[in-house]
Each structure stands twice: as C-alpha cells, then as structure tokens.
C-alpha atoms as a PDB file:
ATOM      1  CA  ALA A   1       1.869  -8.995   7.769  1.00  0.00           C
ATOM      2  CA  LEU A   2      -0.397  -7.126   5.345  1.00  0.00           C
ATOM      3  CA  ALA A   3       2.231  -4.423   4.814  1.00  0.00           C
ATOM      4  CA  ARG A   4       4.859  -7.073   4.046  1.00  0.00           C
ATOM      5  CA  GLU A   5       2.475  -8.768   1.627  1.00  0.00           C
ATOM      6  CA  ALA A   6       1.703  -5.447  -0.053  1.00  0.00           C
ATOM      7  CA  LEU A   7       5.371  -4.716  -0.626  1.00  0.00           C
ATOM      8  CA  ASP A   8       6.176  -8.251  -1.772  1.00  0.00           C
ATOM      9  CA  HIS A   9       3.193  -9.194  -3.878  1.00  0.00           C
ATOM     10  CA  ALA A  10       1.183  -6.118  -4.927  1.00  0.00           C
ATOM     11  CA  ALA A  11       1.858  -6.449  -8.664  1.00  0.00           C
ATOM     12  CA  ASP A  12       1.333 -10.218  -8.623  1.00  0.00           C
ATOM     13  CA  GLU A  13      -1.940  -9.865  -6.692  1.00  0.00           C
ATOM     14  CA  ALA A  14      -3.211  -7.314  -9.213  1.00  0.00           C
ATOM     15  CA  ARG A  15      -2.389  -9.606 -12.140  1.00  0.00           C
ATOM     16  CA  ARG A  16      -4.063 -12.583 -10.464  1.00  0.00           C
ATOM     17  CA  ALA A  17      -7.126 -10.486  -9.603  1.00  0.00           C
ATOM     18  CA  SER A  18      -7.490  -9.394 -13.226  1.00  0.00           C
ATOM     19  CA  VAL A  19      -7.480 -13.043 -14.320  1.00  0.00           C
ATOM     20  CA  ASP A  20     -10.026 -14.163 -11.706  1.00  0.00           C
ATOM     21  CA  PRO A  21     -12.434 -11.282 -10.949  1.00  0.00           C
ATOM     22  CA  THR A  22     -14.757 -13.686  -9.104  1.00  0.00           C
ATOM     23  CA  ASN A  23     -12.251 -14.025  -6.252  1.00  0.00           C
ATOM     24  CA  ARG A  24     -13.509 -11.174  -4.080  1.00  0.00           C
ATOM     25  CA  GLN A  25     -10.775 -11.504  -1.453  1.00  0.00           C
ATOM     26  CA  LEU A  26      -8.073 -11.254  -4.094  1.00  0.00           C
ATOM     27  CA  MET A  27      -9.856  -8.303  -5.727  1.00  0.00           C
ATOM     28  CA  ALA A  28     -10.083  -6.522  -2.359  1.00  0.00           C
ATOM     29  CA  LYS A  29      -6.363  -7.032  -1.713  1.00  0.00           C
ATOM     30  CA  ALA A  30      -5.459  -5.771  -5.172  1.00  0.00           C
ATOM     31  CA  GLU A  31      -7.595  -2.664  -4.643  1.00  0.00           C
ATOM     32  CA  LEU A  32      -6.164  -2.069  -1.154  1.00  0.00           C
ATOM     33  CA  PHE A  33      -2.592  -2.415  -2.386  1.00  0.00           C
ATOM     34  CA  GLY A  34      -3.269  -0.068  -5.296  1.00  0.00           C
ATOM     35  CA  LEU A  35      -4.883   2.521  -3.052  1.00  0.00           C
ATOM     36  CA  ALA A  36      -2.023   2.206  -0.572  1.00  0.00           C
ATOM     37  CA  ALA A  37       0.531   2.886  -3.313  1.00  0.00           C
ATOM     38  CA  LEU A  38      -1.459   5.923  -4.426  1.00  0.00           C
ATOM     39  CA  MET A  39      -1.796   7.142  -0.831  1.00  0.00           C
ATOM     40  CA  LEU A  40       1.924   6.813  -0.110  1.00  0.00           C
ATOM     41  CA  ARG A  41       2.843   8.602  -3.328  1.00  0.00           C
ATOM     42  CA  THR A  42       0.388  11.416  -2.565  1.00  0.00           C
ATOM     43  CA  MET A  43       1.776  11.780   0.955  1.00  0.00           C
ATOM     44  CA  ALA A  44       5.375  11.848  -0.306  1.00  0.00           C
ATOM     45  CA  GLU A  45       4.629  14.392  -3.034  1.00  0.00           C
ATOM     46  CA  SER A  46       2.637  16.553  -0.622  1.00  0.00           C
ATOM     47  CA  ALA A  47       5.526  16.548   1.843  1.00  0.00           C
ATOM     48  CA  GLU A  48       7.888  17.695  -0.919  1.00  0.00           C
ATOM     49  CA  VAL A  49       5.843  20.885  -1.348  1.00  0.00           C
ATOM     50  CA  GLY A  50       5.218  21.410   2.365  1.00  0.00           C
ATOM     51  CA  VAL A  51       1.644  20.151   2.521  1.00  0.00           C
ATOM     52  CA  GLU A  52       0.669  17.627   5.171  1.00  0.00           C
ATOM     53  CA  SER A  53      -1.855  15.135   3.843  1.00  0.00           C
ATOM     54  CA  HIS A  54      -3.207  12.039   5.487  1.00  0.00           C
ATOM     55  CA  GLY A  55      -6.182   9.733   5.624  1.00  0.00           C
ATOM     56  CA  GLY A  56      -8.166   8.522   8.575  1.00  0.00           C
ATOM     57  CA  PRO A  57      -6.937   6.281  11.398  1.00  0.00           C
ATOM     58  CA  ALA A  58      -6.984   3.082   9.333  1.00  0.00           C
ATOM     59  CA  TRP A  59      -4.943   4.622   6.519  1.00  0.00           C
ATOM     60  CA  LYS A  60      -2.508   6.127   9.018  1.00  0.00           C
ATOM     61  CA  ALA A  61      -1.968   2.748  10.657  1.00  0.00           C
ATOM     62  CA  PHE A  62      -1.478   0.981   7.325  1.00  0.00           C
ATOM     63  CA  ALA A  63       0.864   3.696   6.042  1.00  0.00           C
ATOM     64  CA  GLN A  64       2.920   3.471   9.228  1.00  0.00           C
ATOM     65  CA  ALA A  65       3.172  -0.304   8.806  1.00  0.00           C
ATOM     66  CA  LEU A  66       4.265   0.119   5.175  1.00  0.00           C
ATOM     67  CA  TRP A  67       6.917   2.716   6.054  1.00  0.00           C
ATOM     68  CA  SER A  68       8.180   0.540   8.930  1.00  0.00           C
ATOM     69  CA  GLU A  69       8.413  -2.533   6.711  1.00  0.00           C
ATOM     70  CA  GLN A  70      10.225  -0.523   4.043  1.00  0.00           C
ATOM     71  CA  ALA A  71      12.664   0.843   6.645  1.00  0.00           C
ATOM     72  CA  LEU A  72      13.422  -2.679   7.887  1.00  0.00           C
ATOM     73  CA  ARG A  73      14.235  -3.742   4.341  1.00  0.00           C
ATOM     74  CA  ALA A  74      16.573  -0.786   3.865  1.00  0.00           C
ATOM     75  CA  GLN A  75      18.744  -1.811   6.822  1.00  0.00           C
ATOM     76  CA  PRO A  76      21.954  -3.673   5.934  1.00  0.00           C
END
C-alpha cells in the first residue's frame, strides 16, 4: 500500500508537506518518498555501470515493493 501511495502521490505529498510543516506524518511520508526516489535512481544508475548498490533490509523491502507495483502498472 505504501509503494502504491508513493507512486501515486509522492509529488502531491511533498507539496502538501511544504504547506503544513507541522504535520509530522505528512512530512515523514514526503521525506520517505523523496529518499525512495533517490534510492531507486541510484540503484538504476549503479546497475548501468555494473555496480551493485543497495540499502539495508528495510530499503530492500520497500524497493522491491516499488518495483513490483511499477511492474503491475506496466502490464496491459
């Protein structure tokens, strides 16, 4: 569910968090989604040059969920 939300609403969550910085839950989601985007980009770019990069178990699980959700969306 969090992976789906990240793919659907990451930009919107970041905008809302910037308007209401007192909403800690919203701020945490915006930060998580931003870090996830950075992590996935780093992993993809590393793979392009033959370097395997990854985070710890939590990041691996979240990345796997994001890739799975993206793959489901790519199916006709």
